[in-house]
Amino acid sequence: MKNLYDVQQLLKRFGTYVYVGKRIWDIEVMALELDHLHEAKVISNKEFVSAKLVLTHEHKIEENKLKQQNDTGGL
């Protein structure tokens, strides 16, 4: 898995579509859904770890964007 789209496609295979409204919230919900799929043993450890790495990376990017917006007063 290389990007967020790949994780979305993985979740889609199981009928899971995530759209909360904010990208960072979508990433967090995707992580929860991924945890549930892993606990149910319907995805491999390799898929799970790969997807979690992508989500962690994307979450950090979004956190940095929010921090920059707060530091600059939302400009």
N, C-alpha and C. Protein backbone atom coordinates (compact mmCIF):
# COMPACT_ATOMS: atom_id res chain seq x y z
N MET A 1 0.83 -1.17 0.00
CA MET A 1 0.00 0.00 0.00
C MET A 1 0.88 1.24 0.00
N LYS A 2 0.53 2.17 -0.87
CA LYS A 2 1.39 3.34 -1.04
C LYS A 2 0.75 4.65 -0.58
N ASN A 3 -0.59 4.72 -0.63
CA ASN A 3 -1.22 6.00 -0.30
C ASN A 3 -2.62 5.78 0.29
N LEU A 4 -3.25 6.89 0.65
CA LEU A 4 -4.56 6.83 1.29
C LEU A 4 -5.60 6.20 0.37
N TYR A 5 -5.48 6.44 -0.91
CA TYR A 5 -6.42 5.84 -1.86
C TYR A 5 -6.36 4.31 -1.78
N ASP A 6 -5.17 3.76 -1.65
CA ASP A 6 -5.01 2.30 -1.54
C ASP A 6 -5.71 1.77 -0.29
N VAL A 7 -5.60 2.51 0.80
CA VAL A 7 -6.28 2.10 2.04
C VAL A 7 -7.79 2.18 1.84
N GLN A 8 -8.26 3.23 1.18
CA GLN A 8 -9.69 3.34 0.91
C GLN A 8 -10.19 2.16 0.08
N GLN A 9 -9.39 1.74 -0.89
CA GLN A 9 -9.78 0.61 -1.73
C GLN A 9 -9.81 -0.69 -0.93
N LEU A 10 -8.89 -0.84 0.00
CA LEU A 10 -8.89 -2.02 0.88
C LEU A 10 -10.18 -2.05 1.70
N LEU A 11 -10.53 -0.93 2.30
CA LEU A 11 -11.74 -0.87 3.11
C LEU A 11 -12.98 -1.09 2.24
N LYS A 12 -12.95 -0.57 1.04
CA LYS A 12 -14.07 -0.70 0.11
C LYS A 12 -14.36 -2.17 -0.21
N ARG A 13 -13.31 -2.99 -0.26
CA ARG A 13 -13.49 -4.43 -0.51
C ARG A 13 -14.42 -5.06 0.52
N PHE A 14 -14.50 -4.46 1.70
CA PHE A 14 -15.33 -4.99 2.77
C PHE A 14 -16.59 -4.14 2.99
N GLY A 15 -16.90 -3.30 2.01
CA GLY A 15 -18.11 -2.49 2.08
C GLY A 15 -18.02 -1.31 3.02
N THR A 16 -16.80 -0.88 3.33
CA THR A 16 -16.61 0.25 4.25
C THR A 16 -16.22 1.49 3.48
N TYR A 17 -17.07 2.49 3.55
CA TYR A 17 -16.81 3.79 2.93
C TYR A 17 -16.77 4.81 4.05
N VAL A 18 -15.72 5.61 4.09
CA VAL A 18 -15.56 6.57 5.18
C VAL A 18 -15.56 7.98 4.62
N TYR A 19 -16.50 8.80 5.12
CA TYR A 19 -16.47 10.23 4.83
C TYR A 19 -17.13 10.92 6.01
N VAL A 20 -16.31 11.56 6.83
CA VAL A 20 -16.81 12.25 8.01
C VAL A 20 -16.92 13.75 7.73
N GLY A 21 -16.03 14.26 6.88
CA GLY A 21 -16.10 15.67 6.54
C GLY A 21 -14.77 16.38 6.67
N LYS A 22 -13.94 15.90 7.56
CA LYS A 22 -12.59 16.44 7.70
C LYS A 22 -11.62 15.31 7.42
N ARG A 23 -10.60 15.60 6.64
CA ARG A 23 -9.66 14.55 6.24
C ARG A 23 -9.02 13.84 7.45
N ILE A 24 -8.66 14.60 8.47
CA ILE A 24 -8.01 13.99 9.63
C ILE A 24 -8.97 13.05 10.35
N TRP A 25 -10.25 13.41 10.40
CA TRP A 25 -11.24 12.53 11.03
C TRP A 25 -11.46 11.28 10.19
N ASP A 26 -11.47 11.45 8.87
CA ASP A 26 -11.61 10.30 7.98
C ASP A 26 -10.47 9.31 8.22
N ILE A 27 -9.26 9.82 8.36
CA ILE A 27 -8.09 8.96 8.59
C ILE A 27 -8.24 8.21 9.92
N GLU A 28 -8.71 8.90 10.94
CA GLU A 28 -8.89 8.26 12.24
C GLU A 28 -9.95 7.17 12.20
N VAL A 29 -11.05 7.42 11.50
CA VAL A 29 -12.10 6.40 11.38
C VAL A 29 -11.60 5.22 10.55
N MET A 30 -10.84 5.51 9.49
CA MET A 30 -10.26 4.42 8.69
C MET A 30 -9.35 3.54 9.55
N ALA A 31 -8.59 4.14 10.44
CA ALA A 31 -7.70 3.38 11.32
C ALA A 31 -8.52 2.46 12.24
N LEU A 32 -9.62 2.97 12.75
CA LEU A 32 -10.49 2.14 13.60
C LEU A 32 -11.08 0.98 12.80
N GLU A 33 -11.55 1.27 11.60
CA GLU A 33 -12.12 0.21 10.75
C GLU A 33 -11.07 -0.83 10.41
N LEU A 34 -9.87 -0.37 10.14
CA LEU A 34 -8.76 -1.28 9.84
C LEU A 34 -8.47 -2.19 11.03
N ASP A 35 -8.48 -1.62 12.24
CA ASP A 35 -8.29 -2.41 13.45
C ASP A 35 -9.34 -3.51 13.56
N HIS A 36 -10.58 -3.18 13.26
CA HIS A 36 -11.67 -4.16 13.34
C HIS A 36 -11.48 -5.28 12.32
N LEU A 37 -11.07 -4.93 11.12
CA LEU A 37 -10.83 -5.95 10.09
C LEU A 37 -9.68 -6.87 10.51
N HIS A 38 -8.66 -6.30 11.11
CA HIS A 38 -7.52 -7.10 11.55
C HIS A 38 -7.92 -8.02 12.70
N GLU A 39 -8.67 -7.50 13.64
CA GLU A 39 -9.14 -8.31 14.77
C GLU A 39 -10.00 -9.47 14.30
N ALA A 40 -10.78 -9.24 13.24
CA ALA A 40 -11.65 -10.28 12.67
C ALA A 40 -10.86 -11.24 11.79
N LYS A 41 -9.58 -10.96 11.59
CA LYS A 41 -8.68 -11.79 10.79
C LYS A 41 -9.13 -11.95 9.33
N VAL A 42 -9.68 -10.87 8.79
CA VAL A 42 -10.09 -10.90 7.38
C VAL A 42 -9.07 -10.20 6.47
N ILE A 43 -8.07 -9.57 7.08
CA ILE A 43 -6.95 -9.02 6.31
C ILE A 43 -5.66 -9.59 6.89
N SER A 44 -4.66 -9.66 6.06
CA SER A 44 -3.38 -10.22 6.50
C SER A 44 -2.63 -9.21 7.37
N ASN A 45 -1.67 -9.73 8.13
CA ASN A 45 -0.82 -8.85 8.93
C ASN A 45 -0.07 -7.87 8.04
N LYS A 46 0.37 -8.34 6.87
CA LYS A 46 1.10 -7.48 5.94
C LYS A 46 0.22 -6.32 5.47
N GLU A 47 -1.03 -6.62 5.10
CA GLU A 47 -1.96 -5.55 4.68
C GLU A 47 -2.21 -4.58 5.82
N PHE A 48 -2.40 -5.13 7.01
CA PHE A 48 -2.69 -4.30 8.18
C PHE A 48 -1.55 -3.34 8.47
N VAL A 49 -0.34 -3.87 8.55
CA VAL A 49 0.82 -3.04 8.88
C VAL A 49 1.05 -1.99 7.80
N SER A 50 0.95 -2.39 6.56
CA SER A 50 1.16 -1.47 5.46
C SER A 50 0.13 -0.33 5.48
N ALA A 51 -1.12 -0.69 5.68
CA ALA A 51 -2.19 0.32 5.72
C ALA A 51 -2.02 1.24 6.93
N LYS A 52 -1.65 0.68 8.08
CA LYS A 52 -1.45 1.50 9.27
C LYS A 52 -0.32 2.50 9.08
N LEU A 53 0.74 2.07 8.41
CA LEU A 53 1.85 2.99 8.13
C LEU A 53 1.38 4.16 7.26
N VAL A 54 0.59 3.86 6.24
CA VAL A 54 0.06 4.91 5.37
C VAL A 54 -0.80 5.87 6.19
N LEU A 55 -1.70 5.32 7.00
CA LEU A 55 -2.60 6.17 7.79
C LEU A 55 -1.83 7.02 8.80
N THR A 56 -0.83 6.44 9.42
CA THR A 56 -0.01 7.19 10.38
C THR A 56 0.69 8.35 9.68
N HIS A 57 1.25 8.07 8.52
CA HIS A 57 1.94 9.10 7.74
C HIS A 57 0.97 10.23 7.35
N GLU A 58 -0.18 9.85 6.82
CA GLU A 58 -1.18 10.85 6.40
C GLU A 58 -1.70 11.65 7.59
N HIS A 59 -1.86 11.00 8.73
CA HIS A 59 -2.35 11.69 9.92
C HIS A 59 -1.35 12.75 10.37
N LYS A 60 -0.08 12.40 10.33
CA LYS A 60 0.96 13.37 10.71
C LYS A 60 0.96 14.57 9.76
N ILE A 61 0.77 14.33 8.48
CA ILE A 61 0.70 15.42 7.50
C ILE A 61 -0.45 16.36 7.86
N GLU A 62 -1.61 15.78 8.16
CA GLU A 62 -2.78 16.59 8.50
C GLU A 62 -2.57 17.35 9.81
N GLU A 63 -1.94 16.71 10.79
CA GLU A 63 -1.65 17.41 12.05
C GLU A 63 -0.73 18.60 11.80
N ASN A 64 0.27 18.42 10.96
CA ASN A 64 1.19 19.51 10.65
C ASN A 64 0.47 20.66 9.94
N LYS A 65 -0.46 20.32 9.04
CA LYS A 65 -1.24 21.36 8.35
C LYS A 65 -2.06 22.16 9.37
N LEU A 66 -2.71 21.45 10.29
CA LEU A 66 -3.51 22.13 11.30
C LEU A 66 -2.65 23.00 12.20
N LYS A 67 -1.48 22.49 12.57
CA LYS A 67 -0.57 23.27 13.40
C LYS A 67 -0.12 24.54 12.69
N GLN A 68 0.20 24.42 11.40
CA GLN A 68 0.61 25.59 10.61
C GLN A 68 -0.52 26.60 10.53
N GLN A 69 -1.75 26.11 10.34
CA GLN A 69 -2.89 27.02 10.26
C GLN A 69 -3.08 27.75 11.59
N ASN A 70 -2.92 27.04 12.68
CA ASN A 70 -3.06 27.66 14.00
C ASN A 70 -1.95 28.65 14.28
N ASP A 71 -0.73 28.32 13.83
CA ASP A 71 0.41 29.21 14.05
C ASP A 71 0.30 30.49 13.24
N THR A 72 -0.33 30.42 12.08
CA THR A 72 -0.45 31.60 11.21
C THR A 72 -1.80 32.28 11.35
N GLY A 73 -2.61 31.82 12.29
CA GLY A 73 -3.92 32.43 12.49
C GLY A 73 -4.93 32.04 11.44
N GLY A 74 -4.74 30.86 10.81
CA GLY A 74 -5.70 30.37 9.83
C GLY A 74 -5.55 30.93 8.45
N LEU A 75 -4.46 31.62 8.17
CA LEU A 75 -4.27 32.20 6.84
C LEU A 75 -3.73 31.22 5.87
